[in-house]
Amino acid sequence: MPKGYIIGHISVHDPEGYRDYVERDTPILLGLGGRFIVRGGASETVEGESGDRHVVIEFDDYETARRAYNDPEYQAVADIRRRTATSTIILVEGS
């Protein structure tokens, strides 16, 4: 079965507030079966526009990734990200 992914392209405006989001979202997403494959680190946008920070979280399948993103506890914490950063969040099914 193909894996599922939550992919985030993020531009942080409030680093201190965003740190609070990271500290809170990590245990929630891990508890929902997520594995952080990419979290920050060096990156280079070679075509198009993108954020300054990139995150890839892997799940056992697409539906598990979708349920994790829509989880009420995660969504409550995601409001911190929405206040402290501009984000594009994508749900993707692997091959």
PDB file of N, CA and C in Angstrom:
ATOM      1  N   MET A   1       0.850  -1.183   0.000  1.00  0.00           N
ATOM      2  CA  MET A   1       0.000   0.000   0.000  1.00  0.00           C
ATOM      3  C   MET A   1       0.894   1.245   0.000  1.00  0.00           C
ATOM      4  N   PRO A   2       0.566   2.246  -0.828  1.00  0.00           N
ATOM      5  CA  PRO A   2       1.380   3.464  -0.871  1.00  0.00           C
ATOM      6  C   PRO A   2       1.321   4.233   0.451  1.00  0.00           C
ATOM      7  N   LYS A   3       2.416   4.864   0.784  1.00  0.00           N
ATOM      8  CA  LYS A   3       2.486   5.714   1.975  1.00  0.00           C
ATOM      9  C   LYS A   3       1.685   6.989   1.730  1.00  0.00           C
ATOM     10  N   GLY A   4       1.368   7.687   2.802  1.00  0.00           N
ATOM     11  CA  GLY A   4       0.735   8.997   2.721  1.00  0.00           C
ATOM     12  C   GLY A   4       1.655  10.023   3.352  1.00  0.00           C
ATOM     13  N   TYR A   5       1.587  11.257   2.867  1.00  0.00           N
ATOM     14  CA  TYR A   5       2.488  12.307   3.334  1.00  0.00           C
ATOM     15  C   TYR A   5       1.732  13.601   3.576  1.00  0.00           C
ATOM     16  N   ILE A   6       2.144  14.295   4.613  1.00  0.00           N
ATOM     17  CA  ILE A   6       1.788  15.698   4.798  1.00  0.00           C
ATOM     18  C   ILE A   6       3.052  16.467   4.455  1.00  0.00           C
ATOM     19  N   ILE A   7       2.935  17.380   3.489  1.00  0.00           N
ATOM     20  CA  ILE A   7       4.078  18.184   3.058  1.00  0.00           C
ATOM     21  C   ILE A   7       3.746  19.641   3.340  1.00  0.00           C
ATOM     22  N   GLY A   8       4.650  20.332   4.007  1.00  0.00           N
ATOM     23  CA  GLY A   8       4.460  21.739   4.310  1.00  0.00           C
ATOM     24  C   GLY A   8       5.576  22.593   3.750  1.00  0.00           C
ATOM     25  N   HIS A   9       5.198  23.703   3.117  1.00  0.00           N
ATOM     26  CA  HIS A   9       6.141  24.730   2.666  1.00  0.00           C
ATOM     27  C   HIS A   9       5.779  25.970   3.481  1.00  0.00           C
ATOM     28  N   ILE A  10       6.709  26.445   4.287  1.00  0.00           N
ATOM     29  CA  ILE A  10       6.379  27.389   5.349  1.00  0.00           C
ATOM     30  C   ILE A  10       7.332  28.579   5.339  1.00  0.00           C
ATOM     31  N   SER A  11       6.772  29.780   5.529  1.00  0.00           N
ATOM     32  CA  SER A  11       7.564  30.990   5.768  1.00  0.00           C
ATOM     33  C   SER A  11       7.178  31.497   7.152  1.00  0.00           C
ATOM     34  N   VAL A  12       8.127  31.483   8.055  1.00  0.00           N
ATOM     35  CA  VAL A  12       7.876  31.832   9.461  1.00  0.00           C
ATOM     36  C   VAL A  12       8.026  33.338   9.653  1.00  0.00           C
ATOM     37  N   HIS A  13       7.010  33.998  10.279  1.00  0.00           N
ATOM     38  CA  HIS A  13       7.117  35.432  10.599  1.00  0.00           C
ATOM     39  C   HIS A  13       7.420  35.653  12.079  1.00  0.00           C
ATOM     40  N   ASP A  14       7.080  34.698  12.912  1.00  0.00           N
ATOM     41  CA  ASP A  14       7.255  34.822  14.362  1.00  0.00           C
ATOM     42  C   ASP A  14       7.969  33.559  14.859  1.00  0.00           C
ATOM     43  N   PRO A  15       9.320  33.570  14.832  1.00  0.00           N
ATOM     44  CA  PRO A  15      10.069  32.359  15.186  1.00  0.00           C
ATOM     45  C   PRO A  15       9.760  31.813  16.580  1.00  0.00           C
ATOM     46  N   GLU A  16       9.591  32.685  17.555  1.00  0.00           N
ATOM     47  CA  GLU A  16       9.313  32.213  18.917  1.00  0.00           C
ATOM     48  C   GLU A  16       7.951  31.517  18.985  1.00  0.00           C
ATOM     49  N   GLY A  17       6.951  32.126  18.384  1.00  0.00           N
ATOM     50  CA  GLY A  17       5.626  31.517  18.356  1.00  0.00           C
ATOM     51  C   GLY A  17       5.618  30.221  17.567  1.00  0.00           C
ATOM     52  N   TYR A  18       6.370  30.179  16.477  1.00  0.00           N
ATOM     53  CA  TYR A  18       6.432  28.967  15.655  1.00  0.00           C
ATOM     54  C   TYR A  18       7.091  27.828  16.421  1.00  0.00           C
ATOM     55  N   ARG A  19       8.090  28.141  17.241  1.00  0.00           N
ATOM     56  CA  ARG A  19       8.726  27.108  18.085  1.00  0.00           C
ATOM     57  C   ARG A  19       7.691  26.456  18.997  1.00  0.00           C
ATOM     58  N   ASP A  20       6.777  27.267  19.517  1.00  0.00           N
ATOM     59  CA  ASP A  20       5.703  26.727  20.357  1.00  0.00           C
ATOM     60  C   ASP A  20       4.864  25.730  19.551  1.00  0.00           C
ATOM     61  N   TYR A  21       4.560  26.065  18.310  1.00  0.00           N
ATOM     62  CA  TYR A  21       3.818  25.148  17.436  1.00  0.00           C
ATOM     63  C   TYR A  21       4.572  23.833  17.263  1.00  0.00           C
ATOM     64  N   VAL A  22       5.860  23.909  16.945  1.00  0.00           N
ATOM     65  CA  VAL A  22       6.666  22.701  16.716  1.00  0.00           C
ATOM     66  C   VAL A  22       6.689  21.827  17.967  1.00  0.00           C
ATOM     67  N   GLU A  23       6.859  22.452  19.129  1.00  0.00           N
ATOM     68  CA  GLU A  23       6.893  21.683  20.381  1.00  0.00           C
ATOM     69  C   GLU A  23       5.567  20.973  20.645  1.00  0.00           C
ATOM     70  N   ARG A  24       4.472  21.590  20.226  1.00  0.00           N
ATOM     71  CA  ARG A  24       3.149  20.999  20.483  1.00  0.00           C
ATOM     72  C   ARG A  24       2.706  20.023  19.387  1.00  0.00           C
ATOM     73  N   ASP A  25       3.062  20.317  18.134  1.00  0.00           N
ATOM     74  CA  ASP A  25       2.571  19.442  17.057  1.00  0.00           C
ATOM     75  C   ASP A  25       3.320  18.121  16.996  1.00  0.00           C
ATOM     76  N   THR A  26       4.592  18.127  17.400  1.00  0.00           N
ATOM     77  CA  THR A  26       5.418  16.924  17.268  1.00  0.00           C
ATOM     78  C   THR A  26       4.816  15.717  17.986  1.00  0.00           C
ATOM     79  N   PRO A  27       4.511  15.798  19.285  1.00  0.00           N
ATOM     80  CA  PRO A  27       3.969  14.603  19.944  1.00  0.00           C
ATOM     81  C   PRO A  27       2.603  14.184  19.391  1.00  0.00           C
ATOM     82  N   ILE A  28       1.812  15.146  18.939  1.00  0.00           N
ATOM     83  CA  ILE A  28       0.498  14.802  18.378  1.00  0.00           C
ATOM     84  C   ILE A  28       0.673  13.991  17.100  1.00  0.00           C
ATOM     85  N   LEU A  29       1.488  14.510  16.172  1.00  0.00           N
ATOM     86  CA  LEU A  29       1.653  13.831  14.886  1.00  0.00           C
ATOM     87  C   LEU A  29       2.383  12.502  15.033  1.00  0.00           C
ATOM     88  N   LEU A  30       3.347  12.432  15.936  1.00  0.00           N
ATOM     89  CA  LEU A  30       4.004  11.144  16.197  1.00  0.00           C
ATOM     90  C   LEU A  30       2.989  10.140  16.744  1.00  0.00           C
ATOM     91  N   GLY A  31       2.135  10.593  17.646  1.00  0.00           N
ATOM     92  CA  GLY A  31       1.118   9.729  18.230  1.00  0.00           C
ATOM     93  C   GLY A  31       0.074   9.255  17.227  1.00  0.00           C
ATOM     94  N   LEU A  32      -0.075  10.001  16.134  1.00  0.00           N
ATOM     95  CA  LEU A  32      -1.018   9.625  15.081  1.00  0.00           C
ATOM     96  C   LEU A  32      -0.348   8.802  13.986  1.00  0.00           C
ATOM     97  N   GLY A  33       0.900   8.383  14.245  1.00  0.00           N
ATOM     98  CA  GLY A  33       1.594   7.501  13.304  1.00  0.00           C
ATOM     99  C   GLY A  33       2.545   8.189  12.356  1.00  0.00           C
ATOM    100  N   GLY A  34       2.776   9.488  12.528  1.00  0.00           N
ATOM    101  CA  GLY A  34       3.658  10.222  11.624  1.00  0.00           C
ATOM    102  C   GLY A  34       5.129   9.987  11.908  1.00  0.00           C
ATOM    103  N   ARG A  35       5.931  10.081  10.857  1.00  0.00           N
ATOM    104  CA  ARG A  35       7.394  10.019  10.951  1.00  0.00           C
ATOM    105  C   ARG A  35       7.943  11.218  10.191  1.00  0.00           C
ATOM    106  N   PHE A  36       8.690  12.070  10.876  1.00  0.00           N
ATOM    107  CA  PHE A  36       9.243  13.254  10.226  1.00  0.00           C
ATOM    108  C   PHE A  36      10.414  12.839   9.341  1.00  0.00           C
ATOM    109  N   ILE A  37      10.251  12.989   8.030  1.00  0.00           N
ATOM    110  CA  ILE A  37      11.269  12.630   7.048  1.00  0.00           C
ATOM    111  C   ILE A  37      12.142  13.847   6.752  1.00  0.00           C
ATOM    112  N   VAL A  38      11.508  15.007   6.627  1.00  0.00           N
ATOM    113  CA  VAL A  38      12.203  16.281   6.399  1.00  0.00           C
ATOM    114  C   VAL A  38      11.617  17.269   7.385  1.00  0.00           C
ATOM    115  N   ARG A  39      12.492  18.021   8.050  1.00  0.00           N
ATOM    116  CA  ARG A  39      12.014  19.042   8.982  1.00  0.00           C
ATOM    117  C   ARG A  39      13.038  20.159   9.019  1.00  0.00           C
ATOM    118  N   GLY A  40      12.805  21.187   8.211  1.00  0.00           N
ATOM    119  CA  GLY A  40      13.771  22.275   8.127  1.00  0.00           C
ATOM    120  C   GLY A  40      14.981  21.821   7.338  1.00  0.00           C
ATOM    121  N   GLY A  41      16.139  22.302   7.698  1.00  0.00           N
ATOM    122  CA  GLY A  41      17.358  21.925   6.995  1.00  0.00           C
ATOM    123  C   GLY A  41      17.569  22.775   5.751  1.00  0.00           C
ATOM    124  N   ALA A  42      18.711  22.586   5.141  1.00  0.00           N
ATOM    125  CA  ALA A  42      19.076  23.353   3.951  1.00  0.00           C
ATOM    126  C   ALA A  42      18.126  23.027   2.807  1.00  0.00           C
ATOM    127  N   SER A  43      17.778  24.043   2.031  1.00  0.00           N
ATOM    128  CA  SER A  43      16.934  23.839   0.854  1.00  0.00           C
ATOM    129  C   SER A  43      17.219  24.944  -0.155  1.00  0.00           C
ATOM    130  N   GLU A  44      16.862  24.680  -1.376  1.00  0.00           N
ATOM    131  CA  GLU A  44      17.050  25.646  -2.456  1.00  0.00           C
ATOM    132  C   GLU A  44      15.865  25.509  -3.404  1.00  0.00           C
ATOM    133  N   THR A  45      15.149  26.589  -3.614  1.00  0.00           N
ATOM    134  CA  THR A  45      14.056  26.575  -4.577  1.00  0.00           C
ATOM    135  C   THR A  45      14.663  26.823  -5.947  1.00  0.00           C
ATOM    136  N   VAL A  46      14.563  25.848  -6.832  1.00  0.00           N
ATOM    137  CA  VAL A  46      15.182  25.968  -8.154  1.00  0.00           C
ATOM    138  C   VAL A  46      14.172  26.350  -9.234  1.00  0.00           C
ATOM    139  N   GLU A  47      12.874  26.241  -8.943  1.00  0.00           N
ATOM    140  CA  GLU A  47      11.829  26.710  -9.852  1.00  0.00           C
ATOM    141  C   GLU A  47      10.617  27.114  -9.036  1.00  0.00           C
ATOM    142  N   GLY A  48       9.960  28.181  -9.427  1.00  0.00           N
ATOM    143  CA  GLY A  48       8.732  28.607  -8.770  1.00  0.00           C
ATOM    144  C   GLY A  48       8.983  29.272  -7.429  1.00  0.00           C
ATOM    145  N   GLU A  49       7.909  29.403  -6.661  1.00  0.00           N
ATOM    146  CA  GLU A  49       7.977  30.040  -5.352  1.00  0.00           C
ATOM    147  C   GLU A  49       7.757  28.997  -4.271  1.00  0.00           C
ATOM    148  N   SER A  50       8.389  29.217  -3.132  1.00  0.00           N
ATOM    149  CA  SER A  50       8.262  28.267  -2.036  1.00  0.00           C
ATOM    150  C   SER A  50       8.541  28.980  -0.726  1.00  0.00           C
ATOM    151  N   GLY A  51       8.254  28.315   0.376  1.00  0.00           N
ATOM    152  CA  GLY A  51       8.558  28.872   1.688  1.00  0.00           C
ATOM    153  C   GLY A  51      10.028  28.712   2.022  1.00  0.00           C
ATOM    154  N   ASP A  52      10.390  29.171   3.216  1.00  0.00           N
ATOM    155  CA  ASP A  52      11.776  29.088   3.683  1.00  0.00           C
ATOM    156  C   ASP A  52      12.051  27.785   4.422  1.00  0.00           C
ATOM    157  N   ARG A  53      11.001  27.104   4.822  1.00  0.00           N
ATOM    158  CA  ARG A  53      11.127  25.888   5.630  1.00  0.00           C
ATOM    159  C   ARG A  53      10.233  24.824   5.005  1.00  0.00           C
ATOM    160  N   HIS A  54      10.705  23.596   5.000  1.00  0.00           N
ATOM    161  CA  HIS A  54       9.956  22.507   4.378  1.00  0.00           C
ATOM    162  C   HIS A  54       9.872  21.336   5.349  1.00  0.00           C
ATOM    163  N   VAL A  55       8.707  20.710   5.378  1.00  0.00           N
ATOM    164  CA  VAL A  55       8.466  19.594   6.288  1.00  0.00           C
ATOM    165  C   VAL A  55       7.769  18.485   5.497  1.00  0.00           C
ATOM    166  N   VAL A  56       8.247  17.255   5.676  1.00  0.00           N
ATOM    167  CA  VAL A  56       7.590  16.084   5.092  1.00  0.00           C
ATOM    168  C   VAL A  56       7.371  15.082   6.220  1.00  0.00           C
ATOM    169  N   ILE A  57       6.110  14.712   6.424  1.00  0.00           N
ATOM    170  CA  ILE A  57       5.752  13.746   7.459  1.00  0.00           C
ATOM    171  C   ILE A  57       5.136  12.539   6.755  1.00  0.00           C
ATOM    172  N   GLU A  58       5.701  11.373   7.007  1.00  0.00           N
ATOM    173  CA  GLU A  58       5.243  10.142   6.357  1.00  0.00           C
ATOM    174  C   GLU A  58       4.287   9.376   7.271  1.00  0.00           C
ATOM    175  N   PHE A  59       3.253   8.801   6.660  1.00  0.00           N
ATOM    176  CA  PHE A  59       2.281   7.965   7.368  1.00  0.00           C
ATOM    177  C   PHE A  59       2.141   6.642   6.620  1.00  0.00           C
ATOM    178  N   ASP A  60       1.556   5.656   7.255  1.00  0.00           N
ATOM    179  CA  ASP A  60       1.415   4.336   6.643  1.00  0.00           C
ATOM    180  C   ASP A  60       0.623   4.364   5.339  1.00  0.00           C
ATOM    181  N   ASP A  61      -0.340   5.281   5.225  1.00  0.00           N
ATOM    182  CA  ASP A  61      -1.129   5.392   3.994  1.00  0.00           C
ATOM    183  C   ASP A  61      -1.757   6.784   3.929  1.00  0.00           C
ATOM    184  N   TYR A  62      -2.358   7.082   2.782  1.00  0.00           N
ATOM    185  CA  TYR A  62      -2.946   8.401   2.537  1.00  0.00           C
ATOM    186  C   TYR A  62      -4.057   8.723   3.534  1.00  0.00           C
ATOM    187  N   GLU A  63      -4.932   7.770   3.795  1.00  0.00           N
ATOM    188  CA  GLU A  63      -6.048   8.025   4.716  1.00  0.00           C
ATOM    189  C   GLU A  63      -5.556   8.334   6.127  1.00  0.00           C
ATOM    190  N   THR A  64      -4.487   7.685   6.558  1.00  0.00           N
ATOM    191  CA  THR A  64      -3.929   7.972   7.883  1.00  0.00           C
ATOM    192  C   THR A  64      -3.367   9.387   7.913  1.00  0.00           C
ATOM    193  N   ALA A  65      -2.713   9.809   6.836  1.00  0.00           N
ATOM    194  CA  ALA A  65      -2.201  11.186   6.749  1.00  0.00           C
ATOM    195  C   ALA A  65      -3.358  12.180   6.791  1.00  0.00           C
ATOM    196  N   ARG A  66      -4.419  11.887   6.059  1.00  0.00           N
ATOM    197  CA  ARG A  66      -5.581  12.771   6.023  1.00  0.00           C
ATOM    198  C   ARG A  66      -6.248  12.868   7.388  1.00  0.00           C
ATOM    199  N   ARG A  67      -6.404  11.732   8.057  1.00  0.00           N
ATOM    200  CA  ARG A  67      -6.997  11.744   9.409  1.00  0.00           C
ATOM    201  C   ARG A  67      -6.118  12.530  10.380  1.00  0.00           C
ATOM    202  N   ALA A  68      -4.799  12.380  10.267  1.00  0.00           N
ATOM    203  CA  ALA A  68      -3.890  13.108  11.160  1.00  0.00           C
ATOM    204  C   ALA A  68      -4.034  14.612  10.957  1.00  0.00           C
ATOM    205  N   TYR A  69      -4.046  15.054   9.698  1.00  0.00           N
ATOM    206  CA  TYR A  69      -4.186  16.488   9.431  1.00  0.00           C
ATOM    207  C   TYR A  69      -5.512  17.019   9.981  1.00  0.00           C
ATOM    208  N   ASN A  70      -6.571  16.262   9.836  1.00  0.00           N
ATOM    209  CA  ASN A  70      -7.902  16.701  10.272  1.00  0.00           C
ATOM    210  C   ASN A  70      -8.196  16.423  11.739  1.00  0.00           C
ATOM    211  N   ASP A  71      -7.271  15.801  12.451  1.00  0.00           N
ATOM    212  CA  ASP A  71      -7.464  15.491  13.863  1.00  0.00           C
ATOM    213  C   ASP A  71      -7.746  16.778  14.651  1.00  0.00           C
ATOM    214  N   PRO A  72      -8.796  16.815  15.457  1.00  0.00           N
ATOM    215  CA  PRO A  72      -9.137  18.035  16.195  1.00  0.00           C
ATOM    216  C   PRO A  72      -8.008  18.554  17.086  1.00  0.00           C
ATOM    217  N   GLU A  73      -7.281  17.664  17.737  1.00  0.00           N
ATOM    218  CA  GLU A  73      -6.179  18.115  18.597  1.00  0.00           C
ATOM    219  C   GLU A  73      -5.085  18.770  17.755  1.00  0.00           C
ATOM    220  N   TYR A  74      -4.754  18.170  16.605  1.00  0.00           N
ATOM    221  CA  TYR A  74      -3.752  18.779  15.729  1.00  0.00           C
ATOM    222  C   TYR A  74      -4.261  20.118  15.192  1.00  0.00           C
ATOM    223  N   GLN A  75      -5.515  20.177  14.766  1.00  0.00           N
ATOM    224  CA  GLN A  75      -6.047  21.421  14.206  1.00  0.00           C
ATOM    225  C   GLN A  75      -6.027  22.558  15.223  1.00  0.00           C
ATOM    226  N   ALA A  76      -6.249  22.260  16.492  1.00  0.00           N
ATOM    227  CA  ALA A  76      -6.166  23.298  17.528  1.00  0.00           C
ATOM    228  C   ALA A  76      -4.754  23.867  17.601  1.00  0.00           C
ATOM    229  N   VAL A  77      -3.752  22.995  17.493  1.00  0.00           N
ATOM    230  CA  VAL A  77      -2.353  23.439  17.526  1.00  0.00           C
ATOM    231  C   VAL A  77      -1.975  24.117  16.208  1.00  0.00           C
ATOM    232  N   ALA A  78      -2.540  23.661  15.096  1.00  0.00           N
ATOM    233  CA  ALA A  78      -2.235  24.258  13.790  1.00  0.00           C
ATOM    234  C   ALA A  78      -2.605  25.734  13.753  1.00  0.00           C
ATOM    235  N   ASP A  79      -3.550  26.155  14.586  1.00  0.00           N
ATOM    236  CA  ASP A  79      -3.881  27.582  14.657  1.00  0.00           C
ATOM    237  C   ASP A  79      -2.669  28.415  15.061  1.00  0.00           C
ATOM    238  N   ILE A  80      -1.771  27.856  15.864  1.00  0.00           N
ATOM    239  CA  ILE A  80      -0.536  28.574  16.223  1.00  0.00           C
ATOM    240  C   ILE A  80       0.295  28.798  14.963  1.00  0.00           C
ATOM    241  N   ARG A  81       0.441  27.754  14.127  1.00  0.00           N
ATOM    242  CA  ARG A  81       1.191  27.894  12.869  1.00  0.00           C
ATOM    243  C   ARG A  81       0.542  28.941  11.982  1.00  0.00           C
ATOM    244  N   ARG A  82      -0.761  28.929  11.904  1.00  0.00           N
ATOM    245  CA  ARG A  82      -1.466  29.886  11.044  1.00  0.00           C
ATOM    246  C   ARG A  82      -1.240  31.325  11.490  1.00  0.00           C
ATOM    247  N   ARG A  83      -1.035  31.540  12.788  1.00  0.00           N
ATOM    248  CA  ARG A  83      -0.774  32.889  13.307  1.00  0.00           C
ATOM    249  C   ARG A  83       0.685  33.302  13.153  1.00  0.00           C
ATOM    250  N   THR A  84       1.598  32.339  13.121  1.00  0.00           N
ATOM    251  CA  THR A  84       3.028  32.657  13.186  1.00  0.00           C
ATOM    252  C   THR A  84       3.770  32.433  11.872  1.00  0.00           C
ATOM    253  N   ALA A  85       3.063  31.909  10.860  1.00  0.00           N
ATOM    254  CA  ALA A  85       3.718  31.592   9.592  1.00  0.00           C
ATOM    255  C   ALA A  85       2.688  31.590   8.467  1.00  0.00           C
ATOM    256  N   THR A  86       3.188  31.714   7.256  1.00  0.00           N
ATOM    257  CA  THR A  86       2.378  31.508   6.059  1.00  0.00           C
ATOM    258  C   THR A  86       2.746  30.135   5.530  1.00  0.00           C
ATOM    259  N   SER A  87       1.750  29.290   5.289  1.00  0.00           N
ATOM    260  CA  SER A  87       2.032  27.898   4.941  1.00  0.00           C
ATOM    261  C   SER A  87       1.205  27.429   3.758  1.00  0.00           C
ATOM    262  N   THR A  88       1.787  26.532   3.005  1.00  0.00           N
ATOM    263  CA  THR A  88       1.058  25.708   2.048  1.00  0.00           C
ATOM    264  C   THR A  88       1.216  24.282   2.550  1.00  0.00           C
ATOM    265  N   ILE A  89       0.110  23.620   2.837  1.00  0.00           N
ATOM    266  CA  ILE A  89       0.135  22.254   3.360  1.00  0.00           C
ATOM    267  C   ILE A  89      -0.555  21.361   2.331  1.00  0.00           C
ATOM    268  N   ILE A  90       0.106  20.267   1.974  1.00  0.00           N
ATOM    269  CA  ILE A  90      -0.377  19.380   0.920  1.00  0.00           C
ATOM    270  C   ILE A  90      -0.440  17.953   1.460  1.00  0.00           C
ATOM    271  N   LEU A  91      -1.515  17.255   1.166  1.00  0.00           N
ATOM    272  CA  LEU A  91      -1.612  15.822   1.452  1.00  0.00           C
ATOM    273  C   LEU A  91      -1.306  15.088   0.149  1.00  0.00           C
ATOM    274  N   VAL A  92      -0.404  14.103   0.205  1.00  0.00           N
ATOM    275  CA  VAL A  92       0.042  13.408  -1.002  1.00  0.00           C
ATOM    276  C   VAL A  92       0.068  11.905  -0.755  1.00  0.00           C
ATOM    277  N   GLU A  93      -0.367  11.146  -1.751  1.00  0.00           N
ATOM    278  CA  GLU A  93      -0.216   9.699  -1.714  1.00  0.00           C
ATOM    279  C   GLU A  93       1.063   9.337  -2.457  1.00  0.00           C
ATOM    280  N   GLY A  94       1.897   8.503  -1.829  1.00  0.00           N
ATOM    281  CA  GLY A  94       3.138   8.066  -2.460  1.00  0.00           C
ATOM    282  C   GLY A  94       2.876   7.051  -3.558  1.00  0.00           C
ATOM    283  N   SER A  95       3.945   6.658  -4.230  1.00  0.00           N
ATOM    284  CA  SER A  95       3.785   5.677  -5.315  1.00  0.00           C
ATOM    285  C   SER A  95       4.141   4.284  -4.844  1.00  0.00           C
TER     286      SER A  95
END
